[in-house]
Structure formats: C-alpha cells, structure tokens
C-alpha atoms as a PDB file:
ATOM      1  CA  MET A   1      62.110  49.506  31.353  1.00  0.00           C
ATOM      2  CA  LYS A   2      58.974  48.055  32.914  1.00  0.00           C
ATOM      3  CA  ASN A   3      58.478  47.798  36.654  1.00  0.00           C
ATOM      4  CA  LYS A   4      55.533  45.544  37.484  1.00  0.00           C
ATOM      5  CA  ASN A   5      55.738  46.339  41.216  1.00  0.00           C
ATOM      6  CA  ARG A   6      54.224  49.804  40.745  1.00  0.00           C
ATOM      7  CA  ILE A   7      50.739  50.257  42.150  1.00  0.00           C
ATOM      8  CA  GLY A   8      48.011  52.232  40.394  1.00  0.00           C
ATOM      9  CA  VAL A   9      50.144  54.537  38.188  1.00  0.00           C
ATOM     10  CA  VAL A  10      51.158  53.913  34.611  1.00  0.00           C
ATOM     11  CA  PHE A  11      52.960  57.209  33.910  1.00  0.00           C
ATOM     12  CA  SER A  12      53.555  60.539  35.651  1.00  0.00           C
ATOM     13  CA  THR A  13      54.985  63.810  34.312  1.00  0.00           C
ATOM     14  CA  ASN A  14      55.763  65.095  37.806  1.00  0.00           C
ATOM     15  CA  PRO A  15      59.565  64.828  38.307  1.00  0.00           C
ATOM     16  CA  ASP A  16      59.134  64.596  42.116  1.00  0.00           C
ATOM     17  CA  PHE A  17      56.605  61.749  41.944  1.00  0.00           C
ATOM     18  CA  ALA A  18      57.520  58.631  43.917  1.00  0.00           C
ATOM     19  CA  TYR A  19      55.971  55.370  42.804  1.00  0.00           C
ATOM     20  CA  GLU A  20      54.364  53.124  45.389  1.00  0.00           C
ATOM     21  CA  THR A  21      55.506  49.509  45.238  1.00  0.00           C
ATOM     22  CA  ASN A  22      54.426  46.210  46.743  1.00  0.00           C
ATOM     23  CA  GLU A  23      57.699  45.893  48.644  1.00  0.00           C
ATOM     24  CA  ILE A  24      57.380  45.671  52.409  1.00  0.00           C
ATOM     25  CA  GLN A  25      60.247  47.149  54.372  1.00  0.00           C
ATOM     26  CA  GLU A  26      61.504  44.970  57.179  1.00  0.00           C
ATOM     27  CA  PRO A  27      62.102  46.662  60.525  1.00  0.00           C
ATOM     28  CA  GLU A  28      65.630  46.937  61.840  1.00  0.00           C
ATOM     29  CA  THR A  29      66.586  44.152  64.222  1.00  0.00           C
ATOM     30  CA  LEU A  30      66.479  45.229  67.840  1.00  0.00           C
ATOM     31  CA  GLU A  31      69.363  44.327  70.120  1.00  0.00           C
ATOM     32  CA  PRO A  32      68.751  41.268  72.350  1.00  0.00           C
ATOM     33  CA  LYS A  33      68.063  43.339  75.491  1.00  0.00           C
ATOM     34  CA  ALA A  34      65.189  45.117  73.688  1.00  0.00           C
ATOM     35  CA  GLN A  35      63.591  41.901  72.350  1.00  0.00           C
ATOM     36  CA  LYS A  36      60.604  40.529  74.277  1.00  0.00           C
ATOM     37  CA  LEU A  37      60.146  36.923  73.235  1.00  0.00           C
ATOM     38  CA  LYS A  38      57.220  34.729  74.303  1.00  0.00           C
ATOM     39  CA  ILE A  39      57.792  30.985  74.503  1.00  0.00           C
ATOM     40  CA  TRP A  40      55.149  28.299  74.938  1.00  0.00           C
ATOM     41  CA  LEU A  41      54.390  24.676  74.104  1.00  0.00           C
ATOM     42  CA  ASP A  42      51.808  24.030  71.389  1.00  0.00           C
ATOM     43  CA  THR A  43      50.232  20.591  71.020  1.00  0.00           C
ATOM     44  CA  GLN A  44      47.335  21.608  68.775  1.00  0.00           C
ATOM     45  CA  THR A  45      49.259  21.192  65.516  1.00  0.00           C
ATOM     46  CA  LYS A  46      50.878  18.270  63.708  1.00  0.00           C
ATOM     47  CA  LYS A  47      48.541  15.553  65.036  1.00  0.00           C
ATOM     48  CA  GLY A  48      49.293  16.209  68.697  1.00  0.00           C
ATOM     49  CA  LYS A  49      53.068  16.431  68.363  1.00  0.00           C
ATOM     50  CA  LYS A  50      54.680  18.979  70.647  1.00  0.00           C
ATOM     51  CA  ILE A  51      56.094  22.181  69.157  1.00  0.00           C
ATOM     52  CA  THR A  52      57.830  24.938  71.098  1.00  0.00           C
ATOM     53  CA  MET A  53      56.641  28.290  69.715  1.00  0.00           C
ATOM     54  CA  ILE A  54      58.640  31.522  70.013  1.00  0.00           C
ATOM     55  CA  THR A  55      57.040  34.838  69.028  1.00  0.00           C
ATOM     56  CA  GLY A  56      57.711  38.532  69.510  1.00  0.00           C
ATOM     57  CA  PHE A  57      60.955  38.826  67.524  1.00  0.00           C
ATOM     58  CA  VAL A  58      61.325  42.289  65.985  1.00  0.00           C
ATOM     59  CA  GLY A  59      63.735  42.490  63.098  1.00  0.00           C
ATOM     60  CA  LYS A  60      64.762  41.247  59.700  1.00  0.00           C
ATOM     61  CA  ASN A  61      63.685  37.815  58.533  1.00  0.00           C
ATOM     62  CA  GLU A  62      67.339  36.886  57.956  1.00  0.00           C
ATOM     63  CA  ASP A  63      68.146  37.540  61.636  1.00  0.00           C
ATOM     64  CA  LEU A  64      65.075  35.564  62.715  1.00  0.00           C
ATOM     65  CA  GLU A  65      66.255  32.568  60.689  1.00  0.00           C
ATOM     66  CA  THR A  66      69.759  32.871  62.159  1.00  0.00           C
ATOM     67  CA  LEU A  67      68.385  32.837  65.715  1.00  0.00           C
ATOM     68  CA  CYS A  68      66.106  29.902  64.881  1.00  0.00           C
ATOM     69  CA  LYS A  69      69.060  27.956  63.471  1.00  0.00           C
ATOM     70  CA  SER A  70      71.091  28.530  66.637  1.00  0.00           C
ATOM     71  CA  LEU A  71      68.132  27.351  68.766  1.00  0.00           C
ATOM     72  CA  LYS A  72      67.738  24.214  66.659  1.00  0.00           C
ATOM     73  CA  ASN A  73      71.449  23.456  67.019  1.00  0.00           C
ATOM     74  CA  HIS A  74      71.307  24.053  70.786  1.00  0.00           C
ATOM     75  CA  CYS A  75      68.321  21.735  71.193  1.00  0.00           C
ATOM     76  CA  GLY A  76      69.506  19.161  68.649  1.00  0.00           C
ATOM     77  CA  THR A  77      66.206  19.101  66.808  1.00  0.00           C
ATOM     78  CA  GLY A  78      64.427  20.440  63.749  1.00  0.00           C
ATOM     79  CA  GLY A  79      62.259  23.476  63.293  1.00  0.00           C
ATOM     80  CA  SER A  80      61.416  26.385  61.031  1.00  0.00           C
ATOM     81  CA  THR A  81      60.259  29.992  60.849  1.00  0.00           C
ATOM     82  CA  LYS A  82      56.813  30.986  59.670  1.00  0.00           C
ATOM     83  CA  ASP A  83      55.103  34.395  59.715  1.00  0.00           C
ATOM     84  CA  GLY A  84      57.637  35.854  62.144  1.00  0.00           C
ATOM     85  CA  GLU A  85      57.408  32.910  64.540  1.00  0.00           C
ATOM     86  CA  MET A  86      59.963  30.240  65.338  1.00  0.00           C
ATOM     87  CA  LEU A  87      58.738  26.656  65.550  1.00  0.00           C
ATOM     88  CA  ILE A  88      61.044  24.180  67.307  1.00  0.00           C
ATOM     89  CA  GLN A  89      60.076  20.495  67.246  1.00  0.00           C
ATOM     90  CA  GLY A  90      59.632  19.030  70.719  1.00  0.00           C
ATOM     91  CA  ASP A  91      59.194  20.287  74.275  1.00  0.00           C
ATOM     92  CA  PHE A  92      62.212  22.546  74.820  1.00  0.00           C
ATOM     93  CA  CYS A  93      60.609  25.530  76.583  1.00  0.00           C
ATOM     94  CA  GLN A  94      62.926  25.620  79.608  1.00  0.00           C
ATOM     95  CA  LYS A  95      66.054  24.871  77.584  1.00  0.00           C
ATOM     96  CA  ILE A  96      65.212  27.658  75.096  1.00  0.00           C
ATOM     97  CA  ILE A  97      64.374  30.163  77.842  1.00  0.00           C
ATOM     98  CA  GLN A  98      67.693  29.454  79.551  1.00  0.00           C
ATOM     99  CA  TYR A  99      69.617  29.767  76.264  1.00  0.00           C
ATOM    100  CA  LEU A 100      67.924  33.044  75.295  1.00  0.00           C
ATOM    101  CA  GLN A 101      68.476  34.552  78.747  1.00  0.00           C
ATOM    102  CA  GLU A 102      72.187  33.697  78.483  1.00  0.00           C
ATOM    103  CA  LYS A 103      72.176  35.659  75.203  1.00  0.00           C
ATOM    104  CA  GLU A 104      70.473  38.569  77.099  1.00  0.00           C
ATOM    105  CA  TYR A 105      67.045  38.255  75.439  1.00  0.00           C
ATOM    106  CA  GLN A 106      63.998  39.099  77.537  1.00  0.00           C
ATOM    107  CA  THR A 107      61.737  36.058  77.703  1.00  0.00           C
ATOM    108  CA  LYS A 108      58.258  35.336  78.946  1.00  0.00           C
ATOM    109  CA  ASN A 109      56.704  31.914  79.349  1.00  0.00           C
ATOM    110  CA  GLY A 110      53.212  31.467  77.870  1.00  0.00           C
ATOM    111  CA  LYS A 111      51.024  33.061  75.252  1.00  0.00           C
END
C-alpha cells in the first residue's frame, strides 16, 4: 500500500515511528461568543464593485461555509469563502453586524 502524502521517509524499521503527512489539521470551531469577526466594505476588487468582507473566523472550513451561506440568505445576495474569509456581494456591513450580534458573535467594524 503506497501513501504519497508521506514527507521525506520511504521506509522505517522503528515500530514507534510516525510518518509526517501534508495534511493540515483544521482547528475546532469556537462557539459564537468566542469568535471575533471583523467586517468591512472593500471596493478595491472586482472593478470597483462593493464586497463586504468578514474575517477572523476560527474553526473548520465546513462551519465557515455554513455561516457564509446563512449570511448570503439573510442578505439575499451572492458570495463565497476564500482563504478563511467570507466575501458577500454588496454593501451589507450594518445588516451583517446586526445579524451576527443576534447570533451572539463578537463583531468589529473595519480592518
């Protein structure tokens, strides 16, 4: 059985040896009260179109996507996740801050 994710070791005779792999472990998702999310409006991307950016989420990528989906539904717009950030199309800073505070997230306006 070949495992191509192993780094730097082909074979070891040590029974206690643990192979290093390329897999990155995701941190456990913090509860909403422990999250410190930063929200701001970005107009530098997409040819001047407005994008509401949300950063600071600590947790699994699956939970990040779930939160992003609920924000998109609440705002009635599109968006995505990228590199641990949520991108919501349009200027929805105040609406998102209000929604997240209702869900007991800690929010901060601005970079």
